[in-house]
Protein backbone atom coordinates (compact mmCIF):
# COMPACT_ATOMS: atom_id res chain seq x y z
CA MET A 1 160.17 -12.35 79.50
CA ILE A 2 161.12 -16.01 79.11
CA THR A 3 158.96 -16.81 82.13
CA LYS A 4 155.99 -15.12 80.45
CA ILE A 5 156.57 -17.08 77.23
CA VAL A 6 156.85 -20.37 79.15
CA ALA A 7 153.75 -19.52 81.19
CA PHE A 8 151.82 -18.55 78.04
CA SER A 9 152.94 -21.75 76.28
CA PHE A 10 151.93 -23.83 79.28
CA LEU A 11 148.49 -22.18 79.50
CA SER A 12 147.99 -22.65 75.76
CA LEU A 13 148.85 -26.34 76.06
CA VAL A 14 146.45 -26.76 79.01
CA CYS A 15 143.64 -25.04 77.07
CA LEU A 16 144.20 -27.15 73.96
CA THR A 17 144.29 -30.35 75.99
CA ALA A 18 141.11 -29.41 77.86
CA CYS A 19 139.29 -28.47 74.65
CA ASN A 20 140.38 -31.69 72.96
CA SER A 21 139.25 -33.80 75.94
CA SER A 22 135.92 -31.96 76.01
CA ASN A 23 135.40 -32.56 72.28
CA LYS A 24 136.18 -36.27 72.67
CA ALA A 25 133.72 -36.56 75.57
CA GLU A 26 131.03 -34.75 73.56
CA ALA A 27 131.66 -37.00 70.55
CA GLN A 28 131.32 -40.10 72.77
CA ASN A 29 128.06 -38.79 74.26
CA VAL A 30 126.63 -38.07 70.80
CA GLU A 31 127.65 -41.56 69.63
CA GLN A 32 126.00 -43.19 72.67
CA ASN A 33 122.82 -41.14 72.27
CA THR A 34 122.46 -41.96 68.57
CA LYS A 35 122.77 -45.72 69.09
CA THR A 36 119.34 -47.36 69.09
CA GLU A 37 118.31 -50.76 70.25
CA ASN A 38 117.56 -53.17 67.43
CA TYR A 39 113.82 -53.92 67.70
CA VAL A 40 112.49 -57.01 65.92
CA LEU A 41 108.74 -57.60 65.70
CA LEU A 42 108.62 -60.68 63.48
CA GLY A 43 108.48 -63.94 65.39
CA LYS A 44 107.28 -62.22 68.58
CA LYS A 45 104.10 -62.78 70.58
CA ALA A 46 102.56 -59.79 72.30
CA LYS A 47 99.75 -58.92 74.67
CA LEU A 48 97.71 -55.91 73.58
CA THR A 49 95.48 -54.24 76.15
CA TYR A 50 92.76 -51.94 74.83
CA PRO A 51 89.93 -50.32 76.84
CA GLU A 52 87.27 -52.82 75.63
CA PHE A 53 89.31 -56.00 75.09
CA GLU A 54 92.67 -57.75 75.27
CA ALA A 55 94.45 -59.55 72.47
CA GLU A 56 97.35 -61.91 72.03
CA VAL A 57 99.03 -61.51 68.67
CA HIS A 58 101.75 -63.70 67.20
CA TYR A 59 103.58 -61.81 64.45
CA ILE A 60 104.61 -64.99 62.62
CA SER A 61 106.22 -63.40 59.56
CA ASP A 62 105.96 -60.35 57.31
CA ARG A 63 102.99 -62.14 55.66
CA LYS A 64 101.19 -63.93 58.53
CA LEU A 65 99.91 -63.38 62.04
CA HIS A 66 97.65 -65.15 64.51
CA TRP A 67 95.41 -63.22 66.90
CA LYS A 68 93.14 -64.12 69.79
CA THR A 69 90.90 -61.61 71.56
CA LEU A 70 88.99 -61.63 74.83
CA THR A 71 86.37 -58.93 75.38
CA ASN A 72 85.43 -57.47 78.75
CA GLN A 73 82.24 -59.58 78.50
CA GLY A 74 84.25 -62.81 78.12
CA LYS A 75 83.74 -63.32 74.37
CA VAL A 76 86.69 -65.05 72.67
CA ALA A 77 87.57 -64.82 68.97
CA GLU A 78 90.69 -65.76 67.02
CA GLY A 79 92.02 -65.96 63.51
CA ASP A 80 94.96 -66.40 61.19
CA GLU A 81 95.54 -63.53 58.79
CA GLU A 82 97.56 -62.62 55.74
CA VAL A 83 99.10 -59.23 56.45
CA SER A 84 100.87 -56.31 54.88
CA TYR A 85 103.87 -55.33 56.99
CA LYS A 86 106.18 -52.32 56.95
CA GLN A 87 108.85 -51.18 59.38
CA LEU A 88 108.32 -47.42 59.82
CA SER A 89 111.35 -46.68 62.01
CA SER A 90 113.75 -48.59 64.22
CA THR A 91 110.96 -48.95 66.82
CA GLN A 92 107.66 -48.63 64.92
CA PHE A 93 105.86 -51.10 62.67
CA LEU A 94 102.69 -50.97 60.54
CA ILE A 95 100.66 -54.15 60.16
CA ASN A 96 97.44 -54.30 58.13
CA TRP A 97 95.00 -57.10 57.41
CA ILE A 98 91.43 -57.78 56.27
CA GLU A 99 89.55 -60.47 58.16
CA SER A 100 87.08 -62.92 56.56
CA SER A 101 84.25 -60.90 58.14
CA GLY A 102 85.37 -57.86 56.13
CA MET A 103 86.80 -56.11 59.17
CA SER A 104 89.98 -54.23 58.28
CA VAL A 105 92.69 -53.62 60.88
CA SER A 106 95.62 -51.23 60.55
CA GLN A 107 97.92 -51.41 63.54
CA VAL A 108 100.94 -49.27 64.43
CA VAL A 109 103.15 -50.88 67.08
CA ASP A 110 105.74 -48.81 68.95
CA MET A 111 107.95 -51.41 70.61
CA GLU A 112 110.08 -48.82 72.42
CA LYS A 113 107.10 -47.11 74.09
CA GLY A 114 105.01 -50.27 74.52
CA ARG A 115 102.06 -48.68 72.71
CA VAL A 116 99.75 -49.78 69.91
CA THR A 117 97.31 -47.73 67.84
CA ALA A 118 94.75 -49.51 65.67
CA PHE A 119 92.35 -48.19 63.06
CA ILE A 120 89.52 -50.66 62.52
CA THR A 121 86.82 -50.53 59.84
CA TYR A 122 83.82 -52.85 59.64
CA GLY A 123 80.50 -53.29 57.86
CA ASP A 124 77.64 -51.22 59.27
CA GLU A 125 74.29 -51.29 57.43
CA ASN A 126 73.17 -48.13 59.27
CA SER A 127 76.18 -46.08 58.17
CA SER A 128 75.80 -43.51 55.41
CA ARG A 129 79.55 -43.81 54.72
CA GLY A 130 79.58 -46.74 52.32
CA LYS A 131 77.83 -48.92 54.89
CA ARG A 132 81.07 -48.99 56.92
CA SER A 133 82.08 -47.58 60.29
CA SER A 134 85.44 -47.20 61.98
CA ASN A 135 87.14 -46.86 65.34
CA LEU A 136 90.57 -45.59 66.32
CA ILE A 137 91.78 -47.29 69.48
CA GLU A 138 94.96 -47.04 71.52
CA GLY A 139 96.39 -49.49 73.97
CA LYS A 140 99.39 -51.01 75.69
CA TRP A 141 101.68 -53.44 73.88
CA MET A 142 103.95 -55.94 75.66
CA ILE A 143 106.07 -58.89 74.45
CA ILE A 144 105.04 -62.16 76.11
CA ASN A 145 107.66 -64.53 74.65
């Protein structure tokens, strides 16, 4: 009888120890999986590659950026813009600006995935939609500095 009690106590202790170790390991895994890298967009320069053109963008501050584009036909354009900036998540950022030409650009950058989505509107005299047209374009995004 005493042997059974000792054996039962020993098995109970082993089970409790194993369960406790398992819970600690699970807690450590959850903690590691919930940690995210701290992504910072401001101050960075990036290369954006879209189907029709490439761009270099310097996200100077939450109010300013500089861009330079090169089309597939070799046409270069650049500008300095006042922007609206909002961090959407730990990895995603929304940047919006209106260029002197009237072109409006809304850009969502996903630094973790290296992707950029831009919604561009521009004047179009032939458009029945307020004489404006738009394009939604997606591309690759990569830090270059």
